[in-house]
Amino acid sequence: MPTQDPKLKLDELEMSRSAFYRMVARGKGPKLMKLPNNQIRVRRSDLDAWWAAQEVAA
């Protein structure tokens, strides 16, 4: 059975919601997924890849 990639709520990212959405609007945030109930989640693997890219850019 394949393992599922955990999905994080925005509250778990430890940054303000408005700051996060500003980053996403500028195209500088991690890939998001929208659930059928309109909630937004981030896959752990997408978040980890995004963090790694931020470290290289710094």
N, C-alpha and C. Protein backbone atom coordinates (compact mmCIF):
# COMPACT_ATOMS: atom_id res chain seq x y z
N MET A 1 0.85 -1.18 0.00
CA MET A 1 0.00 0.00 0.00
C MET A 1 0.90 1.25 0.00
N PRO A 2 0.67 2.22 -0.90
CA PRO A 2 1.51 3.41 -0.95
C PRO A 2 1.28 4.29 0.29
N THR A 3 2.36 4.93 0.72
CA THR A 3 2.23 5.82 1.86
C THR A 3 1.66 7.16 1.39
N GLN A 4 0.85 7.75 2.21
CA GLN A 4 0.26 9.04 1.85
C GLN A 4 1.16 10.15 2.35
N ASP A 5 1.24 11.20 1.56
CA ASP A 5 2.01 12.37 1.93
C ASP A 5 1.16 13.19 2.88
N PRO A 6 1.62 13.45 4.12
CA PRO A 6 0.79 14.22 5.05
C PRO A 6 0.48 15.61 4.51
N LYS A 7 -0.70 16.07 4.80
CA LYS A 7 -1.13 17.39 4.36
C LYS A 7 -1.23 18.30 5.58
N LEU A 8 -0.65 19.47 5.49
CA LEU A 8 -0.60 20.39 6.61
C LEU A 8 -1.63 21.50 6.46
N LYS A 9 -2.18 21.92 7.58
CA LYS A 9 -3.04 23.09 7.60
C LYS A 9 -2.14 24.33 7.63
N LEU A 10 -2.67 25.44 7.16
CA LEU A 10 -1.89 26.67 7.17
C LEU A 10 -1.45 27.07 8.57
N ASP A 11 -2.27 26.76 9.56
CA ASP A 11 -1.92 27.10 10.94
C ASP A 11 -0.65 26.39 11.40
N GLU A 12 -0.33 25.25 10.80
CA GLU A 12 0.84 24.48 11.18
C GLU A 12 2.13 25.01 10.57
N LEU A 13 2.05 25.98 9.68
CA LEU A 13 3.24 26.51 9.03
C LEU A 13 3.97 27.57 9.86
N GLU A 14 3.36 28.00 10.94
CA GLU A 14 3.94 28.99 11.85
C GLU A 14 4.27 30.30 11.15
N MET A 15 3.34 30.76 10.33
CA MET A 15 3.44 32.09 9.73
C MET A 15 2.03 32.62 9.57
N SER A 16 1.91 33.92 9.53
CA SER A 16 0.56 34.48 9.45
C SER A 16 -0.07 34.11 8.11
N ARG A 17 -1.36 33.97 8.15
CA ARG A 17 -2.12 33.59 6.96
C ARG A 17 -1.95 34.65 5.87
N SER A 18 -1.98 35.92 6.24
CA SER A 18 -1.86 36.98 5.23
C SER A 18 -0.47 36.97 4.59
N ALA A 19 0.57 36.76 5.38
CA ALA A 19 1.93 36.70 4.82
C ALA A 19 2.07 35.52 3.88
N PHE A 20 1.49 34.40 4.26
CA PHE A 20 1.56 33.21 3.42
C PHE A 20 0.86 33.45 2.09
N TYR A 21 -0.34 34.01 2.12
CA TYR A 21 -1.08 34.23 0.88
C TYR A 21 -0.41 35.29 0.01
N ARG A 22 0.26 36.28 0.60
CA ARG A 22 1.01 37.25 -0.19
C ARG A 22 2.13 36.55 -0.96
N MET A 23 2.84 35.64 -0.28
CA MET A 23 3.90 34.89 -0.93
C MET A 23 3.37 34.05 -2.08
N VAL A 24 2.26 33.38 -1.84
CA VAL A 24 1.65 32.54 -2.88
C VAL A 24 1.21 33.40 -4.06
N ALA A 25 0.61 34.56 -3.79
CA ALA A 25 0.15 35.45 -4.86
C ALA A 25 1.32 35.94 -5.71
N ARG A 26 2.48 36.09 -5.12
CA ARG A 26 3.68 36.52 -5.86
C ARG A 26 4.35 35.35 -6.57
N GLY A 27 3.83 34.15 -6.39
CA GLY A 27 4.42 32.98 -7.01
C GLY A 27 5.64 32.46 -6.28
N LYS A 28 5.79 32.82 -5.00
CA LYS A 28 6.97 32.43 -4.24
C LYS A 28 6.65 31.47 -3.11
N GLY A 29 5.46 30.93 -3.08
CA GLY A 29 5.06 30.01 -2.02
C GLY A 29 5.06 28.57 -2.50
N PRO A 30 4.85 27.63 -1.58
CA PRO A 30 4.78 26.22 -1.98
C PRO A 30 3.49 25.92 -2.73
N LYS A 31 3.48 24.80 -3.40
CA LYS A 31 2.29 24.36 -4.14
C LYS A 31 1.17 24.04 -3.15
N LEU A 32 -0.02 24.53 -3.44
CA LEU A 32 -1.18 24.32 -2.57
C LEU A 32 -2.15 23.35 -3.22
N MET A 33 -2.97 22.75 -2.38
CA MET A 33 -4.08 21.94 -2.89
C MET A 33 -5.35 22.37 -2.17
N LYS A 34 -6.43 22.40 -2.92
CA LYS A 34 -7.72 22.79 -2.36
C LYS A 34 -8.58 21.54 -2.22
N LEU A 35 -9.08 21.31 -1.02
CA LEU A 35 -9.91 20.15 -0.76
C LEU A 35 -11.35 20.42 -1.21
N PRO A 36 -12.15 19.37 -1.35
CA PRO A 36 -13.54 19.56 -1.79
C PRO A 36 -14.35 20.49 -0.89
N ASN A 37 -13.97 20.60 0.39
CA ASN A 37 -14.69 21.50 1.30
C ASN A 37 -14.09 22.91 1.30
N ASN A 38 -13.27 23.21 0.28
CA ASN A 38 -12.64 24.53 0.08
C ASN A 38 -11.54 24.87 1.07
N GLN A 39 -11.10 23.92 1.86
CA GLN A 39 -9.94 24.16 2.72
C GLN A 39 -8.66 24.00 1.92
N ILE A 40 -7.64 24.75 2.32
CA ILE A 40 -6.35 24.73 1.64
C ILE A 40 -5.37 23.89 2.45
N ARG A 41 -4.59 23.05 1.77
CA ARG A 41 -3.57 22.23 2.42
C ARG A 41 -2.29 22.30 1.61
N VAL A 42 -1.19 21.96 2.25
CA VAL A 42 0.12 21.87 1.61
C VAL A 42 0.65 20.47 1.87
N ARG A 43 1.09 19.79 0.84
CA ARG A 43 1.70 18.48 1.04
C ARG A 43 3.06 18.66 1.72
N ARG A 44 3.39 17.77 2.63
CA ARG A 44 4.66 17.84 3.35
C ARG A 44 5.83 17.84 2.37
N SER A 45 5.78 17.00 1.34
CA SER A 45 6.88 16.94 0.38
C SER A 45 7.03 18.25 -0.39
N ASP A 46 5.90 18.89 -0.75
CA ASP A 46 5.95 20.18 -1.44
C ASP A 46 6.53 21.26 -0.53
N LEU A 47 6.15 21.23 0.74
CA LEU A 47 6.66 22.20 1.69
C LEU A 47 8.16 22.01 1.92
N ASP A 48 8.59 20.76 2.07
CA ASP A 48 10.01 20.49 2.26
C ASP A 48 10.83 20.94 1.06
N ALA A 49 10.34 20.67 -0.15
CA ALA A 49 11.04 21.10 -1.36
C ALA A 49 11.10 22.62 -1.44
N TRP A 50 10.02 23.28 -1.06
CA TRP A 50 9.99 24.74 -1.08
C TRP A 50 10.99 25.32 -0.08
N TRP A 51 11.03 24.73 1.15
CA TRP A 51 11.99 25.20 2.15
C TRP A 51 13.42 25.02 1.64
N ALA A 52 13.70 23.88 1.01
CA ALA A 52 15.05 23.63 0.49
C ALA A 52 15.42 24.66 -0.57
N ALA A 53 14.48 25.01 -1.43
CA ALA A 53 14.73 26.02 -2.46
C ALA A 53 14.99 27.39 -1.84
N GLN A 54 14.32 27.68 -0.73
CA GLN A 54 14.53 28.97 -0.06
C GLN A 54 15.92 29.04 0.54
N GLU A 55 16.42 27.93 1.07
CA GLU A 55 17.76 27.91 1.65
C GLU A 55 18.82 28.14 0.60
N VAL A 56 18.65 27.57 -0.59
CA VAL A 56 19.62 27.73 -1.67
C VAL A 56 19.62 29.18 -2.14
N ALA A 57 18.44 29.79 -2.22
CA ALA A 57 18.33 31.16 -2.73
C ALA A 57 18.91 32.18 -1.75
N ALA A 58 18.98 31.84 -0.49
CA ALA A 58 19.42 32.82 0.51
C ALA A 58 20.89 33.06 0.49
